[in-house]
Amino acid sequence: MDSTPKRVLVPRNCVDFRNKVVLAPMVRSGELPMRLLALTYGADLVWGPETVDQSMIGTTRRLNPRTQTIEFTRLSSRAARAPDTNQRESVIYRIHPARESRRLIFQLGTASPTRAVEAAKLVAGDVAGIDVNAGCPKPFSTAGGMGAALLSTPDKLCAILEALVREVGSAYEIGISVKIRILETAEKTEALVRRLCQTGITGLTVHCRTRPMRPRERAIRDQLRMIGQVCREAGVACLMNGDVVSREQAEELAQEYGVDGAMIATAAEANPSCFRRENEGGLVPWRDLAEECLRIALEVENKFGNTKFILGSLIPGKEGLRRMVSMARSYREVCEIFGLEEEMGGLAREVDERIGITYEKDERGAVKIAKLKNETARAAGGNMARIKSSPTDGRNVLAQRGTDTVRVIAMET
């Protein structure tokens, strides 16, 4: 008798989720700079932030020759109504094909099989898979029946997955997967997972919290072993998510509960080097990560507001630098704050100009930042030379900030 475990065929352009530790989909935090940082430090795959189907439909795909990134852009609704106005197109989604495309899973927010297929086809040729968000409980996701609202409409969720498998997965030879939350009882969760596994998906991720639970509440793993068993019987790869903080812990939990791998969210938002094993160097000091993030953001011309958001999650709250970055109004100012004018200042000016940031003098802002610099200097004993964090700083980042109490909590999708 053949004892080989059943496996759903993994398409040619897809990556098998088994034995993987991956970056979870996170609103705002999961943009390109964070994804590339996570891959640099050992993430096997990365999920992009949830992108709603209607925001993708109508976009134009283009290759940016300066950054070598693929950008999906569109005019704002106001600009579309008045096309003679001189307005920039908005970048809805950005991919770095050389550094991430075959390790990138595009997460789709949808409540319609038709719109899901239309949106997924736009990006399917540039990613390793399409993942349907059926787990995010935030109103921006559940509005219109998307996200965790799909847990209450399993017929619709299955119809979406079946349409994607049939019209996108097969055509582009990529995987279709879904991310869910546990339901109120194990019986309800099991019934749902069995239905989902029959749609043709290659992977399923379970966030070990119910829909009403928030990130600060401890993950519930009582149903996880059962979910892994159901997926294994159907040949579908199963990832777990919730309170995972390192590669070592992810592998231990996967082994303990019989699942195929794990996602890391909040811990990766605070320090994406958490994917690196301890014997390979472990956690990187926060300042090194912040500077590397800034460098990547400039190279790919990331939206400035988003870069500040990501930097805010990397810099510990007690650091004066965090407040200064939050007040900065341009990439050039951020480079000055980090003492990187010589290394990155020229590129920062170019990027500011390209993305429409002007240099009108803001005396009040300059005074506030100068005051904060003085306060930081006094706290550091008057030494404002560029100081690298000691190696132990990086290893204690999660302990200092608390993986469950990071000030900027990841909106896991």
Protein backbone atom coordinates (compact mmCIF):
# COMPACT_ATOMS: atom_id res chain seq x y z
CA MET A 1 0.00 0.00 0.00
CA ASP A 2 1.37 3.40 -1.01
CA SER A 3 1.91 5.57 2.09
CA THR A 4 3.12 8.61 0.16
CA PRO A 5 1.15 11.67 1.34
CA LYS A 6 -1.28 13.07 -1.20
CA ARG A 7 -0.23 16.38 -2.77
CA VAL A 8 -2.10 18.77 -5.02
CA LEU A 9 0.02 19.35 -8.11
CA VAL A 10 2.10 22.51 -7.68
CA PRO A 11 1.98 24.51 -10.96
CA ARG A 12 5.16 25.23 -12.90
CA ASN A 13 5.35 28.91 -11.92
CA CYS A 14 4.29 28.37 -8.30
CA VAL A 15 6.36 27.73 -5.18
CA ASP A 16 5.37 24.91 -2.84
CA PHE A 17 4.48 26.35 0.58
CA ARG A 18 5.84 23.29 2.37
CA ASN A 19 8.84 23.79 4.67
CA LYS A 20 8.60 27.56 4.30
CA VAL A 21 8.74 30.42 6.79
CA VAL A 22 7.17 33.45 5.13
CA LEU A 23 6.32 37.12 5.56
CA ALA A 24 2.63 37.59 6.31
CA PRO A 25 0.47 40.05 4.35
CA MET A 26 0.34 43.35 6.25
CA VAL A 27 -1.40 46.56 5.27
CA ARG A 28 1.14 49.37 4.68
CA SER A 29 4.02 47.42 6.26
CA GLY A 30 4.04 44.85 3.47
CA GLU A 31 5.08 47.19 0.67
CA LEU A 32 8.19 46.56 -1.45
CA PRO A 33 10.94 47.81 0.95
CA MET A 34 9.77 45.51 3.76
CA ARG A 35 9.37 42.55 1.42
CA LEU A 36 12.90 42.96 0.07
CA LEU A 37 14.30 43.30 3.59
CA ALA A 38 12.53 40.10 4.63
CA LEU A 39 13.90 38.22 1.62
CA THR A 40 17.39 39.56 2.30
CA TYR A 41 17.30 38.08 5.79
CA GLY A 42 15.91 34.69 4.95
CA ALA A 43 12.16 34.77 4.33
CA ASP A 44 11.34 31.93 1.94
CA LEU A 45 8.32 33.72 0.46
CA VAL A 46 6.67 37.10 0.94
CA TRP A 47 3.00 38.08 0.80
CA GLY A 48 2.16 41.57 -0.41
CA PRO A 49 -0.45 43.67 1.40
CA GLU A 50 -4.10 43.01 0.62
CA THR A 51 -5.00 44.79 -2.61
CA VAL A 52 -8.68 45.20 -3.39
CA ASP A 53 -9.81 43.93 -6.81
CA GLN A 54 -11.43 47.20 -7.85
CA SER A 55 -8.25 49.16 -7.15
CA MET A 56 -6.33 46.93 -9.60
CA ILE A 57 -8.96 46.80 -12.32
CA GLY A 58 -8.21 49.60 -14.77
CA THR A 59 -4.54 49.93 -13.88
CA THR A 60 -1.76 50.16 -16.43
CA ARG A 61 1.26 47.85 -16.13
CA ARG A 62 4.60 49.45 -16.91
CA LEU A 63 8.29 48.83 -16.32
CA ASN A 64 10.06 51.70 -14.58
CA PRO A 65 13.48 51.82 -16.30
CA ARG A 66 15.09 53.73 -13.44
CA THR A 67 14.14 51.30 -10.68
CA GLN A 68 13.67 48.13 -12.77
CA THR A 69 10.36 47.62 -11.00
CA ILE A 70 6.99 46.74 -12.49
CA GLU A 71 4.36 49.30 -11.51
CA PHE A 72 0.60 49.09 -11.78
CA THR A 73 -0.63 52.66 -11.98
CA ARG A 74 -3.83 54.60 -12.44
CA LEU A 75 -5.09 58.16 -12.35
CA SER A 76 -7.13 59.25 -9.37
CA SER A 77 -10.88 59.43 -9.96
CA ARG A 78 -10.66 63.23 -9.96
CA ALA A 79 -7.90 63.24 -12.57
CA ALA A 80 -9.84 60.77 -14.69
CA ARG A 81 -12.82 63.12 -14.70
CA ALA A 82 -10.60 66.07 -15.68
CA PRO A 83 -7.83 64.55 -17.83
CA ASP A 84 -6.41 67.92 -18.82
CA THR A 85 -5.17 68.54 -15.26
CA ASN A 86 -1.50 67.89 -14.59
CA GLN A 87 -1.82 65.10 -12.06
CA ARG A 88 0.55 62.21 -11.42
CA GLU A 89 -0.60 58.63 -11.69
CA SER A 90 -0.77 56.70 -8.43
CA VAL A 91 1.22 53.50 -8.06
CA ILE A 92 -1.26 50.89 -6.82
CA TYR A 93 1.22 48.00 -6.69
CA ARG A 94 4.96 47.69 -7.26
CA ILE A 95 6.98 44.52 -7.89
CA HIS A 96 10.73 43.99 -8.22
CA PRO A 97 10.86 41.12 -10.75
CA ALA A 98 14.56 40.35 -10.31
CA ARG A 99 14.46 40.21 -6.52
CA GLU A 100 11.03 38.90 -5.57
CA SER A 101 8.57 37.97 -8.31
CA ARG A 102 8.90 34.17 -8.07
CA ARG A 103 8.80 34.43 -4.29
CA LEU A 104 5.92 36.91 -4.13
CA ILE A 105 2.31 35.99 -3.38
CA PHE A 106 -0.23 38.64 -4.35
CA GLN A 107 -3.02 38.87 -1.77
CA LEU A 108 -6.37 39.85 -3.22
CA GLY A 109 -9.27 41.48 -1.42
CA THR A 110 -12.46 40.49 -3.20
CA ALA A 111 -16.09 39.45 -2.80
CA SER A 112 -16.79 38.64 -6.43
CA PRO A 113 -15.55 35.73 -8.59
CA THR A 114 -15.76 37.89 -11.71
CA ARG A 115 -13.81 40.84 -10.28
CA ALA A 116 -11.33 38.50 -8.60
CA VAL A 117 -10.46 36.90 -11.93
CA GLU A 118 -10.27 40.25 -13.74
CA ALA A 119 -7.91 41.72 -11.15
CA ALA A 120 -5.79 38.58 -10.73
CA LYS A 121 -5.15 38.28 -14.47
CA LEU A 122 -3.46 41.68 -14.45
CA VAL A 123 -0.73 40.57 -12.06
CA ALA A 124 -0.67 36.78 -12.52
CA GLY A 125 2.26 36.80 -14.94
CA ASP A 126 4.48 38.60 -12.44
CA VAL A 127 3.91 36.62 -9.22
CA ALA A 128 4.15 33.07 -7.88
CA GLY A 129 0.58 32.90 -6.63
CA ILE A 130 -2.71 34.62 -5.84
CA ASP A 131 -3.97 34.44 -2.25
CA VAL A 132 -7.53 35.36 -1.32
CA ASN A 133 -7.89 37.32 1.90
CA ALA A 134 -10.59 35.68 3.98
CA GLY A 135 -9.10 36.55 7.35
CA CYS A 136 -8.71 40.29 7.88
CA PRO A 137 -11.33 41.57 10.36
CA LYS A 138 -10.73 45.29 9.76
CA PRO A 139 -13.66 47.32 8.40
CA PHE A 140 -11.69 48.45 5.34
CA SER A 141 -11.44 44.78 4.38
CA THR A 142 -14.81 43.42 5.50
CA ALA A 143 -16.69 46.27 3.79
CA GLY A 144 -18.56 44.85 0.85
CA GLY A 145 -18.21 41.29 2.09
CA MET A 146 -14.44 40.93 1.71
CA GLY A 147 -11.83 39.67 4.18
CA ALA A 148 -13.10 37.84 7.25
CA ALA A 149 -16.67 38.52 6.11
CA LEU A 150 -16.15 35.70 3.60
CA LEU A 151 -15.99 33.25 6.51
CA SER A 152 -19.73 33.83 6.89
CA THR A 153 -20.39 33.24 3.17
CA PRO A 154 -18.54 30.01 2.36
CA ASP A 155 -20.45 29.47 -0.90
CA LYS A 156 -19.16 32.79 -2.20
CA LEU A 157 -15.63 32.11 -0.95
CA CYS A 158 -15.54 28.72 -2.65
CA ALA A 159 -16.93 30.21 -5.87
CA ILE A 160 -14.14 32.84 -5.86
CA LEU A 161 -11.44 30.20 -5.33
CA GLU A 162 -12.86 27.87 -7.98
CA ALA A 163 -13.00 30.71 -10.52
CA LEU A 164 -9.42 31.71 -9.77
CA VAL A 165 -8.16 28.12 -10.00
CA ARG A 166 -9.97 27.58 -13.29
CA GLU A 167 -9.33 30.90 -15.06
CA VAL A 168 -6.06 32.14 -13.52
CA GLY A 169 -4.20 29.31 -11.82
CA SER A 170 -4.45 26.94 -14.78
CA ALA A 171 -3.86 29.60 -17.44
CA TYR A 172 -0.79 31.14 -15.80
CA GLU A 173 0.43 27.99 -14.04
CA ILE A 174 0.52 29.62 -10.62
CA GLY A 175 -0.93 28.58 -7.28
CA ILE A 176 -4.19 29.82 -5.79
CA SER A 177 -4.41 29.89 -2.00
CA VAL A 178 -6.54 31.32 0.79
CA LYS A 179 -5.92 32.79 4.24
CA ILE A 180 -8.61 32.28 6.88
CA ARG A 181 -9.19 32.55 10.62
CA ILE A 182 -10.45 29.83 12.92
CA LEU A 183 -14.19 29.75 13.58
CA GLU A 184 -16.01 29.55 16.91
CA THR A 185 -15.87 25.76 17.10
CA ALA A 186 -13.53 23.11 15.73
CA GLU A 187 -16.47 21.48 13.95
CA LYS A 188 -17.28 24.66 12.01
CA THR A 189 -13.63 25.22 11.14
CA GLU A 190 -13.20 21.64 9.95
CA ALA A 191 -16.27 21.83 7.73
CA LEU A 192 -15.02 25.06 6.15
CA VAL A 193 -11.47 23.81 5.60
CA ARG A 194 -12.74 20.60 3.96
CA ARG A 195 -14.80 22.66 1.52
CA LEU A 196 -11.93 25.00 0.73
CA CYS A 197 -9.54 22.11 0.09
CA GLN A 198 -11.91 20.80 -2.60
CA THR A 199 -11.72 24.00 -4.68
CA GLY A 200 -8.33 23.19 -6.25
CA ILE A 201 -6.21 25.48 -4.07
CA THR A 202 -2.54 24.62 -3.51
CA GLY A 203 -2.23 26.24 -0.08
CA LEU A 204 -4.19 27.37 2.96
CA THR A 205 -3.02 29.62 5.78
CA VAL A 206 -4.84 29.71 9.09
CA HIS A 207 -4.52 32.67 11.43
CA CYS A 208 -5.02 31.13 14.86
CA ARG A 209 -7.43 33.78 16.07
CA THR A 210 -11.18 34.16 15.63
CA ARG A 211 -12.65 37.09 13.72
CA PRO A 212 -13.30 39.29 16.82
CA MET A 213 -9.78 38.76 18.24
CA ARG A 214 -7.07 41.37 17.92
CA PRO A 215 -3.26 40.98 17.64
CA ARG A 216 -2.66 41.60 21.36
CA GLU A 217 -4.78 38.58 22.26
CA ARG A 218 -2.89 35.30 22.47
CA ALA A 219 -3.23 33.03 19.45
CA ILE A 220 -5.39 29.89 19.90
CA ARG A 221 -3.75 26.76 18.52
CA ASP A 222 -6.25 24.14 19.77
CA GLN A 223 -7.65 23.61 16.26
CA LEU A 224 -4.35 23.76 14.39
CA ARG A 225 -3.48 20.05 14.43
CA MET A 226 -6.91 19.18 13.05
CA ILE A 227 -6.62 21.79 10.28
CA GLY A 228 -3.19 20.47 9.31
CA GLN A 229 -4.58 16.93 9.14
CA VAL A 230 -7.50 17.95 6.92
CA CYS A 231 -5.16 19.80 4.56
CA ARG A 232 -2.74 16.88 4.50
CA GLU A 233 -5.54 14.46 3.56
CA ALA A 234 -6.46 16.74 0.65
CA GLY A 235 -2.84 17.29 -0.41
CA VAL A 236 -3.03 21.05 0.30
CA ALA A 237 -0.07 22.78 1.96
CA CYS A 238 -0.96 24.37 5.32
CA LEU A 239 0.74 27.35 6.95
CA MET A 240 0.05 28.67 10.44
CA ASN A 241 0.01 32.31 11.54
CA GLY A 242 -0.25 33.99 14.94
CA ASP A 243 2.37 34.79 17.61
CA VAL A 244 5.30 33.40 15.61
CA VAL A 245 8.45 35.43 16.27
CA SER A 246 11.41 33.58 14.71
CA ARG A 247 12.41 30.94 12.19
CA GLU A 248 13.38 28.51 14.92
CA GLN A 249 10.02 28.87 16.66
CA ALA A 250 8.18 28.59 13.34
CA GLU A 251 9.86 25.28 12.57
CA GLU A 252 9.24 23.95 16.07
CA LEU A 253 5.54 24.86 15.95
CA ALA A 254 5.12 23.37 12.46
CA GLN A 255 6.64 20.14 13.71
CA GLU A 256 4.54 20.13 16.90
CA TYR A 257 1.20 20.75 15.19
CA GLY A 258 1.77 18.87 11.96
CA VAL A 259 1.54 21.79 9.55
CA ASP A 260 3.86 22.64 6.67
CA GLY A 261 5.26 26.03 7.69
CA ALA A 262 4.48 29.38 9.24
CA MET A 263 3.92 33.08 8.62
CA ILE A 264 5.51 35.83 10.69
CA ALA A 265 3.77 39.22 10.96
CA THR A 266 4.25 41.56 13.94
CA ALA A 267 7.73 40.32 14.81
CA ALA A 268 8.82 40.81 11.20
CA GLU A 269 7.34 44.29 11.14
CA ALA A 270 9.57 45.21 14.09
CA ASN A 271 12.66 43.41 12.80
CA PRO A 272 12.53 41.54 9.45
CA SER A 273 15.83 39.81 10.21
CA CYS A 274 13.78 37.50 12.48
CA PHE A 275 13.77 35.11 9.51
CA ARG A 276 17.51 34.57 9.98
CA ARG A 277 18.65 31.72 12.19
CA GLU A 278 20.60 32.48 15.35
CA ASN A 279 23.59 30.51 14.07
CA GLU A 280 23.56 32.67 10.92
CA GLY A 281 23.71 35.92 12.86
CA GLY A 282 20.24 36.31 14.34
CA LEU A 283 18.63 39.72 14.70
CA VAL A 284 20.23 42.73 13.04
CA PRO A 285 20.51 46.02 15.02
CA TRP A 286 17.54 48.29 14.33
CA ARG A 287 19.64 51.15 12.99
CA ASP A 288 21.27 48.96 10.34
CA LEU A 289 17.83 47.77 9.24
CA ALA A 290 16.41 51.30 9.14
CA GLU A 291 19.28 52.56 6.98
CA GLU A 292 18.98 49.56 4.68
CA CYS A 293 15.24 50.17 4.41
CA LEU A 294 15.86 53.81 3.51
CA ARG A 295 18.34 52.79 0.84
CA ILE A 296 15.88 50.32 -0.71
CA ALA A 297 13.04 52.85 -0.56
CA LEU A 298 15.14 55.34 -2.52
CA GLU A 299 16.22 52.74 -5.06
CA VAL A 300 12.61 51.74 -5.81
CA GLU A 301 11.13 55.25 -5.37
CA ASN A 302 8.75 54.07 -2.68
CA LYS A 303 5.99 56.42 -1.56
CA PHE A 304 7.48 58.70 1.07
CA GLY A 305 4.62 58.38 3.53
CA ASN A 306 4.85 54.61 3.39
CA THR A 307 8.61 54.69 3.93
CA LYS A 308 8.11 56.79 7.07
CA PHE A 309 5.53 54.29 8.29
CA ILE A 310 7.90 51.34 7.81
CA LEU A 311 10.78 53.22 9.45
CA GLY A 312 8.47 53.99 12.36
CA SER A 313 7.96 50.28 12.91
CA LEU A 314 11.70 49.53 12.74
CA ILE A 315 12.89 52.30 15.09
CA PRO A 316 12.14 51.57 18.77
CA GLY A 317 9.67 54.01 20.30
CA LYS A 318 12.13 55.24 22.93
CA GLU A 319 14.55 56.49 20.27
CA GLY A 320 14.49 60.22 19.55
CA LEU A 321 15.19 59.40 15.92
CA ARG A 322 11.70 57.98 15.62
CA ARG A 323 10.08 61.31 16.38
CA MET A 324 12.40 63.14 14.02
CA VAL A 325 11.63 60.77 11.16
CA SER A 326 7.89 61.13 11.79
CA MET A 327 8.25 64.90 11.37
CA ALA A 328 10.42 64.76 8.25
CA ARG A 329 8.82 66.06 5.07
CA SER A 330 11.18 64.67 2.46
CA TYR A 331 13.66 61.90 1.80
CA ARG A 332 16.40 64.50 1.98
CA GLU A 333 15.43 65.35 5.57
CA VAL A 334 15.40 61.69 6.56
CA CYS A 335 18.91 61.26 5.15
CA GLU A 336 20.04 64.27 7.17
CA ILE A 337 18.49 62.83 10.34
CA PHE A 338 20.41 59.57 9.87
CA GLY A 339 23.62 61.40 8.97
CA LEU A 340 23.61 59.91 5.49
CA GLU A 341 23.72 63.10 3.41
CA GLU A 342 27.03 62.20 1.78
CA GLU A 343 26.04 58.62 1.00
CA MET A 344 22.40 59.06 -0.06
CA GLY A 345 21.70 62.79 -0.18
CA GLY A 346 22.06 63.14 -3.95
CA LEU A 347 19.73 60.26 -4.69
CA ALA A 348 17.28 61.52 -2.06
CA ARG A 349 17.02 64.87 -3.83
CA GLU A 350 16.41 63.16 -7.17
CA VAL A 351 13.72 60.90 -5.76
CA ASP A 352 12.01 63.77 -3.95
CA GLU A 353 11.79 65.64 -7.24
CA ARG A 354 10.46 62.61 -9.13
CA ILE A 355 7.70 61.90 -6.63
CA GLY A 356 6.69 65.55 -6.35
CA ILE A 357 8.14 66.59 -2.98
CA THR A 358 9.13 70.26 -2.98
CA TYR A 359 11.65 72.03 -0.76
CA GLU A 360 9.70 74.99 0.50
CA LYS A 361 11.27 76.08 3.77
CA ASP A 362 9.25 75.09 6.81
CA GLU A 363 10.75 77.09 9.66
CA ARG A 364 8.52 75.59 12.36
CA GLY A 365 9.31 72.05 11.26
CA ALA A 366 13.03 72.80 11.06
CA VAL A 367 12.99 74.30 14.55
CA LYS A 368 11.17 71.26 15.97
CA ILE A 369 13.59 68.81 14.37
CA ALA A 370 16.57 70.86 15.56
CA LYS A 371 15.17 70.83 19.09
CA LEU A 372 14.74 67.06 18.96
CA LYS A 373 18.32 66.67 17.72
CA ASN A 374 19.52 68.69 20.70
CA GLU A 375 17.46 66.58 23.08
CA THR A 376 18.88 63.42 21.52
CA ALA A 377 22.39 64.81 21.79
CA ARG A 378 21.96 65.56 25.49
CA ALA A 379 20.54 62.10 26.11
CA ALA A 380 23.59 60.62 24.36
CA GLY A 381 26.01 62.71 26.38
CA GLY A 382 26.42 65.37 23.72
CA ASN A 383 27.92 63.04 21.16
CA MET A 384 25.98 63.46 17.93
CA ALA A 385 28.39 61.45 15.84
CA ARG A 386 26.70 58.70 13.88
CA ILE A 387 26.58 55.81 16.33
CA LYS A 388 25.92 52.24 15.37
CA SER A 389 23.81 50.18 17.72
CA SER A 390 25.82 47.54 19.55
CA PRO A 391 25.29 43.93 18.41
CA THR A 392 23.32 43.19 21.55
CA ASP A 393 20.85 45.98 20.75
CA GLY A 394 19.56 44.10 17.73
CA ARG A 395 19.19 40.83 19.57
CA ASN A 396 17.10 42.51 22.25
CA VAL A 397 14.83 44.52 19.96
CA LEU A 398 11.87 42.20 20.27
CA ALA A 399 12.39 41.78 23.99
CA GLN A 400 12.69 45.54 24.53
CA ARG A 401 9.61 46.38 22.49
CA GLY A 402 7.52 43.29 23.16
CA THR A 403 6.30 41.20 20.25
CA ASP A 404 2.71 41.61 21.45
CA THR A 405 2.96 45.30 22.30
CA VAL A 406 4.80 46.87 19.38
CA ARG A 407 3.43 50.36 19.08
CA VAL A 408 2.71 50.04 15.38
CA ILE A 409 0.70 46.81 15.28
CA ALA A 410 0.68 44.97 11.96
CA MET A 411 -2.75 44.84 10.34
CA GLU A 412 -2.49 41.19 9.32
CA THR A 413 -4.62 40.29 6.34
